């Protein structure tokens, strides 16, 4: 296409999960329930870890920020997705698409490294319990979370700027339910070499280093648990990190399933299903994973429900 004949794209059309008209209302109901449970569960975790004095520990500080990240991640995607189930014109403006991609990247990168930080927290708790409150002090926790947010914001700005530096002048139809970098770059009519390198480098590096941290931490945790002689001691040590191990397995398992598929088996439909899982389903599951097997959280919820006004007064004090 000649340069003079190019028309700059001002909006995109999101194809969604399915283009079958008879599935739009059922899908809307399913994802409305998922998003509602996500909001309720993660807001509940944020409130409980903020107002209950028994949950003012590093582990629950990180859990609160994981809940905030889950809220952000699902809220960047779900509202627009739900609206598109009900309308015939499933458009999103150029700048709204850029903002959605940037927001998604901020929260997904933050979640990757927060899970790694939580693995380090569990490593210190199990392997050096006497030094736990010294090593994982409030100042270190705040610094770590601040660095994670700063890095995730920097990554999001860099990658989204690279993706939207290309020209979109042929098709504006995104075969996805949100603005993701791969389907966006597929629409470009200019050279995508630099954006593709940026996407591959950042995603590969982030996943590699965070997984190294998680695997190293849990390898040492398992060794430490196996060295405990009493079965009661082993069970207690394992119970402190069982919820996090489950959350990490589900999250990284989904990402690895998506990124390590052979190209011959790779399809956008598979990408959509994996994306649904880590953008909407996992944020809904995390509060359940961390609360159903956690006596501290269940006790805190009971205290809060017995006297919510007193809990909020204690928070203000």
Protein backbone atom coordinates (compact mmCIF):
# COMPACT_ATOMS: atom_id res chain seq x y z
CA UNK A 1 0.00 0.00 0.00
CA UNK A 2 1.43 3.38 -0.94
CA UNK A 3 2.24 5.74 1.88
CA UNK A 4 -0.11 8.37 0.54
CA UNK A 5 -3.07 5.98 0.47
CA UNK A 6 -2.75 4.85 4.10
CA UNK A 7 -5.58 5.67 6.47
CA UNK A 8 -4.60 5.83 10.14
CA UNK A 9 -6.72 3.62 12.39
CA UNK A 10 -8.64 5.59 15.04
CA UNK A 11 -10.50 2.67 16.61
CA UNK A 12 -10.32 -1.10 16.82
CA UNK A 13 -12.99 -3.80 16.76
CA UNK A 14 -12.66 -6.50 19.42
CA UNK A 15 -13.93 -9.85 18.12
CA UNK A 16 -14.34 -11.22 21.65
CA UNK A 17 -14.34 -14.82 22.81
CA UNK A 18 -17.00 -15.95 20.34
CA UNK A 19 -18.86 -14.29 17.48
CA UNK A 20 -21.91 -16.58 17.84
CA UNK A 21 -24.93 -14.39 18.65
CA UNK A 22 -26.67 -17.08 20.74
CA UNK A 23 -23.66 -17.29 23.10
CA UNK A 24 -23.39 -13.60 23.93
CA UNK A 25 -25.97 -13.49 26.78
CA UNK A 26 -24.83 -16.78 28.40
CA UNK A 27 -21.20 -15.63 28.22
CA UNK A 28 -22.18 -12.26 29.69
CA UNK A 29 -23.85 -13.98 32.65
CA UNK A 30 -20.88 -16.32 33.24
CA UNK A 31 -18.28 -13.55 33.18
CA UNK A 32 -20.46 -11.18 35.20
CA UNK A 33 -20.52 -13.80 37.97
CA UNK A 34 -16.75 -14.34 37.67
CA UNK A 35 -16.05 -10.59 37.83
CA UNK A 36 -18.47 -10.13 40.74
CA UNK A 37 -16.78 -12.91 42.72
CA UNK A 38 -13.38 -11.40 41.86
CA UNK A 39 -14.41 -8.00 43.20
CA UNK A 40 -15.99 -9.43 46.35
CA UNK A 41 -13.13 -11.81 47.15
CA UNK A 42 -10.24 -9.44 46.53
CA UNK A 43 -11.90 -6.45 48.19
CA UNK A 44 -12.57 -8.71 51.16
CA UNK A 45 -8.87 -9.65 51.35
CA UNK A 46 -7.85 -5.97 51.13
CA UNK A 47 -10.28 -4.96 53.88
CA UNK A 48 -9.41 -7.84 56.22
CA UNK A 49 -5.65 -7.39 55.89
CA UNK A 50 -6.09 -3.66 56.51
CA UNK A 51 -8.39 -3.72 59.56
CA UNK A 52 -7.45 -6.89 61.45
CA UNK A 53 -4.55 -6.58 63.87
CA UNK A 54 -3.75 -10.32 63.61
CA UNK A 55 -3.05 -9.97 59.87
CA UNK A 56 -0.44 -7.21 60.15
CA UNK A 57 2.46 -9.44 59.09
CA UNK A 58 4.65 -9.42 55.95
CA UNK A 59 2.83 -12.41 54.43
CA UNK A 60 -0.54 -10.66 54.62
CA UNK A 61 0.99 -7.36 53.48
CA UNK A 62 2.04 -9.10 50.25
CA UNK A 63 -1.33 -10.85 50.05
CA UNK A 64 -3.10 -7.48 50.25
CA UNK A 65 -1.08 -6.18 47.31
CA UNK A 66 -1.73 -9.37 45.35
CA UNK A 67 -5.45 -8.74 45.86
CA UNK A 68 -5.04 -5.12 44.68
CA UNK A 69 -3.19 -6.36 41.57
CA UNK A 70 -5.88 -8.97 40.89
CA UNK A 71 -8.56 -6.28 41.18
CA UNK A 72 -6.66 -4.06 38.76
CA UNK A 73 -5.92 -6.81 36.26
CA UNK A 74 -9.51 -8.03 36.02
CA UNK A 75 -10.95 -4.48 36.03
CA UNK A 76 -8.80 -3.44 33.08
CA UNK A 77 -10.32 -6.27 31.02
CA UNK A 78 -13.75 -7.30 32.36
CA UNK A 79 -15.91 -4.12 32.13
CA UNK A 80 -15.24 -3.57 28.41
CA UNK A 81 -15.58 -7.29 27.76
CA UNK A 82 -18.98 -7.39 29.49
CA UNK A 83 -20.24 -4.36 27.56
CA UNK A 84 -19.18 -5.96 24.27
CA UNK A 85 -21.32 -9.02 24.98
CA UNK A 86 -24.40 -6.74 24.91
CA UNK A 87 -23.67 -4.45 21.97
CA UNK A 88 -23.36 -5.07 18.25
CA UNK A 89 -20.60 -2.51 17.66
CA UNK A 90 -17.68 -3.91 19.68
CA UNK A 91 -15.29 -1.00 19.17
CA UNK A 92 -12.58 0.49 21.34
CA UNK A 93 -10.82 3.76 20.56
CA UNK A 94 -7.12 3.86 19.66
CA UNK A 95 -6.12 5.55 22.94
CA UNK A 96 -8.42 3.38 25.07
CA UNK A 97 -6.82 0.32 23.47
CA UNK A 98 -3.34 1.65 24.30
CA UNK A 99 -4.45 2.36 27.88
CA UNK A 100 -5.93 -1.14 28.22
CA UNK A 101 -2.73 -2.77 26.97
CA UNK A 102 -0.64 -0.61 29.31
CA UNK A 103 -2.86 -1.36 32.30
CA UNK A 104 -2.85 -5.08 31.59
CA UNK A 105 0.97 -5.12 31.36
CA UNK A 106 1.36 -3.16 34.61
CA UNK A 107 -0.70 -5.65 36.59
CA UNK A 108 0.52 -8.87 34.96
CA UNK A 109 4.20 -7.94 35.42
CA UNK A 110 3.50 -6.81 39.00
CA UNK A 111 1.77 -10.14 39.73
CA UNK A 112 4.70 -12.14 38.33
CA UNK A 113 7.22 -10.44 40.60
CA UNK A 114 4.94 -10.18 43.64
CA UNK A 115 4.50 -13.96 43.55
CA UNK A 116 8.30 -14.23 43.45
CA UNK A 117 8.56 -11.87 46.46
CA UNK A 118 5.99 -13.97 48.31
CA UNK A 119 8.06 -17.08 47.58
CA UNK A 120 11.10 -15.37 49.13
CA UNK A 121 8.97 -14.42 52.13
CA UNK A 122 7.95 -18.08 52.61
CA UNK A 123 11.60 -19.16 52.18
CA UNK A 124 12.75 -16.90 55.03
CA UNK A 125 9.77 -17.94 57.20
CA UNK A 126 10.50 -21.67 56.82
CA UNK A 127 14.30 -21.72 56.53
CA UNK A 128 15.23 -18.87 58.93
CA UNK A 129 12.25 -18.40 61.24
CA UNK A 130 14.27 -16.71 64.00
CA UNK A 131 15.43 -14.00 61.57
CA UNK A 132 12.08 -13.62 59.82
CA UNK A 133 10.92 -10.35 61.41
CA UNK A 134 14.42 -8.88 61.02
CA UNK A 135 14.93 -9.80 57.35
CA UNK A 136 11.33 -9.24 56.22
CA UNK A 137 10.71 -6.02 58.14
CA UNK A 138 8.00 -3.50 57.14
CA UNK A 139 10.56 -1.17 55.52
CA UNK A 140 11.90 -3.97 53.30
CA UNK A 141 8.35 -5.01 52.38
CA UNK A 142 7.40 -1.46 51.38
CA UNK A 143 10.60 -1.04 49.37
CA UNK A 144 10.10 -4.35 47.58
CA UNK A 145 6.49 -3.63 46.63
CA UNK A 146 7.39 -0.09 45.52
CA UNK A 147 10.17 -1.43 43.28
CA UNK A 148 7.79 -4.01 41.79
CA UNK A 149 5.22 -1.32 40.93
CA UNK A 150 7.88 1.02 39.49
CA UNK A 151 9.40 -1.75 37.37
CA UNK A 152 6.01 -2.98 36.13
CA UNK A 153 5.00 0.57 35.19
CA UNK A 154 8.30 1.09 33.35
CA UNK A 155 7.88 -2.21 31.49
CA UNK A 156 4.28 -1.40 30.55
CA UNK A 157 5.19 2.06 29.23
CA UNK A 158 8.12 0.69 27.23
CA UNK A 159 6.32 -2.26 25.66
CA UNK A 160 3.03 -0.47 24.94
CA UNK A 161 4.94 2.48 23.40
CA UNK A 162 6.81 0.05 21.13
CA UNK A 163 3.60 -1.72 20.10
CA UNK A 164 1.79 1.53 19.32
CA UNK A 165 4.78 3.01 17.49
CA UNK A 166 3.84 0.92 14.43
CA UNK A 167 1.28 1.94 11.83
CA UNK A 168 -2.16 0.36 11.79
CA UNK A 169 -3.55 1.08 8.35
CA UNK A 170 -5.01 -2.13 6.93
CA UNK A 171 -7.42 -4.02 9.19
CA UNK A 172 -8.59 -2.79 12.59
CA UNK A 173 -10.21 -6.06 13.71
CA UNK A 174 -8.50 -7.58 16.79
CA UNK A 175 -9.21 -11.30 17.09
CA UNK A 176 -9.25 -11.18 20.89
CA UNK A 177 -11.43 -9.94 23.76
CA UNK A 178 -8.95 -7.23 24.84
CA UNK A 179 -6.03 -5.29 23.38
CA UNK A 180 -3.05 -7.65 23.59
CA UNK A 181 0.32 -7.06 21.96
CA UNK A 182 0.43 -10.16 19.69
CA UNK A 183 -2.92 -9.63 17.88
CA UNK A 184 -2.19 -5.89 17.70
CA UNK A 185 1.18 -6.39 16.01
CA UNK A 186 -0.49 -8.80 13.58
CA UNK A 187 -2.52 -5.82 12.27
CA UNK A 188 0.49 -3.62 11.56
CA UNK A 189 1.35 -2.58 8.01
CA UNK A 190 4.85 -1.39 9.02
CA UNK A 191 7.98 -3.15 10.27
CA UNK A 192 7.28 -4.87 13.60
CA UNK A 193 10.81 -6.16 14.25
CA UNK A 194 11.66 -3.78 17.13
CA UNK A 195 8.27 -4.12 18.93
CA UNK A 196 8.42 -7.92 18.60
CA UNK A 197 11.95 -7.96 20.05
CA UNK A 198 10.80 -5.72 22.93
CA UNK A 199 7.77 -7.92 23.66
CA UNK A 200 9.81 -11.14 23.49
CA UNK A 201 12.70 -9.74 25.56
CA UNK A 202 10.57 -8.31 28.36
CA UNK A 203 8.14 -11.24 28.59
CA UNK A 204 10.92 -13.85 28.41
CA UNK A 205 13.19 -12.07 30.89
CA UNK A 206 10.42 -11.38 33.39
CA UNK A 207 9.11 -14.94 33.28
CA UNK A 208 12.60 -16.47 33.47
CA UNK A 209 13.91 -14.47 36.43
CA UNK A 210 10.68 -14.65 38.44
CA UNK A 211 10.51 -18.42 37.91
CA UNK A 212 14.15 -18.83 38.96
CA UNK A 213 13.36 -16.99 42.20
CA UNK A 214 10.24 -19.09 42.84
CA UNK A 215 11.87 -22.43 42.01
CA UNK A 216 15.00 -21.68 44.05
CA UNK A 217 12.92 -20.57 47.03
CA UNK A 218 10.68 -23.64 46.98
CA UNK A 219 13.57 -26.04 46.34
CA UNK A 220 15.18 -24.79 49.56
CA UNK A 221 11.83 -24.79 51.38
CA UNK A 222 11.22 -28.45 50.46
CA UNK A 223 14.74 -29.39 51.59
CA UNK A 224 14.19 -27.58 54.89
CA UNK A 225 10.82 -29.30 55.43
CA UNK A 226 12.33 -32.74 54.71
CA UNK A 227 15.01 -32.10 57.36
CA UNK A 228 12.35 -31.59 60.05
CA UNK A 229 12.15 -34.80 62.06
CA UNK A 230 8.62 -34.64 63.47
CA UNK A 231 5.67 -35.16 61.13
CA UNK A 232 3.75 -32.45 62.99
CA UNK A 233 6.60 -29.98 62.38
CA UNK A 234 6.73 -30.89 58.67
CA UNK A 235 2.97 -30.47 58.34
CA UNK A 236 3.04 -27.09 60.07
CA UNK A 237 5.91 -25.86 57.90
CA UNK A 238 4.21 -27.08 54.73
CA UNK A 239 0.89 -25.48 55.68
CA UNK A 240 2.54 -22.04 55.83
CA UNK A 241 3.32 -22.13 52.12
CA UNK A 242 0.76 -24.58 50.66
CA UNK A 243 -1.65 -21.83 49.52
CA UNK A 244 1.11 -19.87 47.82
CA UNK A 245 2.47 -23.00 46.13
CA UNK A 246 -0.99 -23.70 44.70
CA UNK A 247 -1.42 -20.10 43.49
CA UNK A 248 2.05 -20.11 41.88
CA UNK A 249 1.42 -23.49 40.20
CA UNK A 250 -1.87 -22.32 38.68
CA UNK A 251 -0.48 -18.95 37.52
CA UNK A 252 2.85 -20.09 36.08
CA UNK A 253 1.29 -23.28 34.70
CA UNK A 254 -1.10 -21.16 32.62
CA UNK A 255 1.68 -18.86 31.37
CA UNK A 256 3.97 -21.77 30.49
CA UNK A 257 1.12 -23.55 28.71
CA UNK A 258 0.60 -20.44 26.61
CA UNK A 259 4.22 -19.57 25.81
CA UNK A 260 5.77 -23.05 25.45
CA UNK A 261 3.29 -24.48 22.95
CA UNK A 262 4.78 -25.69 19.64
CA UNK A 263 4.01 -23.22 16.87
CA UNK A 264 2.20 -25.95 14.92
CA UNK A 265 -0.34 -26.30 17.76
CA UNK A 266 -0.52 -22.61 18.59
CA UNK A 267 -3.79 -20.82 17.82
CA UNK A 268 -5.54 -17.61 18.80
CA UNK A 269 -8.42 -19.63 20.28
CA UNK A 270 -5.96 -21.30 22.65
CA UNK A 271 -4.49 -17.89 23.50
CA UNK A 272 -7.98 -16.60 24.28
CA UNK A 273 -8.72 -19.45 26.67
CA UNK A 274 -5.37 -19.06 28.43
CA UNK A 275 -5.92 -15.28 28.62
CA UNK A 276 -9.38 -15.79 30.15
CA UNK A 277 -7.75 -17.96 32.78
CA UNK A 278 -4.96 -15.62 33.91
CA UNK A 279 -6.84 -12.34 33.51
CA UNK A 280 -10.24 -13.32 34.96
CA UNK A 281 -10.33 -16.83 36.49
CA UNK A 282 -7.08 -16.70 38.51
CA UNK A 283 -7.98 -13.33 40.13
CA UNK A 284 -11.27 -14.95 41.19
CA UNK A 285 -9.53 -18.10 42.52
CA UNK A 286 -6.73 -16.42 44.50
CA UNK A 287 -8.93 -15.18 47.39
CA UNK A 288 -10.40 -18.70 47.67
CA UNK A 289 -6.95 -20.33 47.59
CA UNK A 290 -5.62 -18.04 50.31
CA UNK A 291 -8.68 -18.11 52.56
CA UNK A 292 -10.26 -21.58 52.45
CA UNK A 293 -7.18 -23.29 53.92
CA UNK A 294 -6.08 -20.34 56.03
CA UNK A 295 -7.27 -20.30 59.64
CA UNK A 296 -5.99 -16.74 60.25
CA UNK A 297 -8.07 -15.32 57.38
CA UNK A 298 -11.18 -17.27 58.40
CA UNK A 299 -10.83 -16.10 62.01
CA UNK A 300 -10.30 -12.52 60.85
CA UNK A 301 -13.43 -12.71 58.69
CA UNK A 302 -15.43 -13.99 61.65
CA UNK A 303 -14.17 -11.14 63.88
CA UNK A 304 -14.98 -8.61 61.18
CA UNK A 305 -18.50 -9.91 60.60
CA UNK A 306 -19.17 -9.98 64.36
CA UNK A 307 -18.27 -6.30 64.76
CA UNK A 308 -17.39 -4.46 61.51
CA UNK A 309 -17.68 -0.98 63.06
CA UNK A 310 -15.08 -1.75 65.71
CA UNK A 311 -12.75 -3.18 63.07
CA UNK A 312 -12.86 0.04 61.05
CA UNK A 313 -12.33 2.14 64.23
CA UNK A 314 -9.22 0.10 65.08
CA UNK A 315 -7.98 0.64 61.52
CA UNK A 316 -8.26 4.43 61.94
CA UNK A 317 -6.38 4.29 65.25
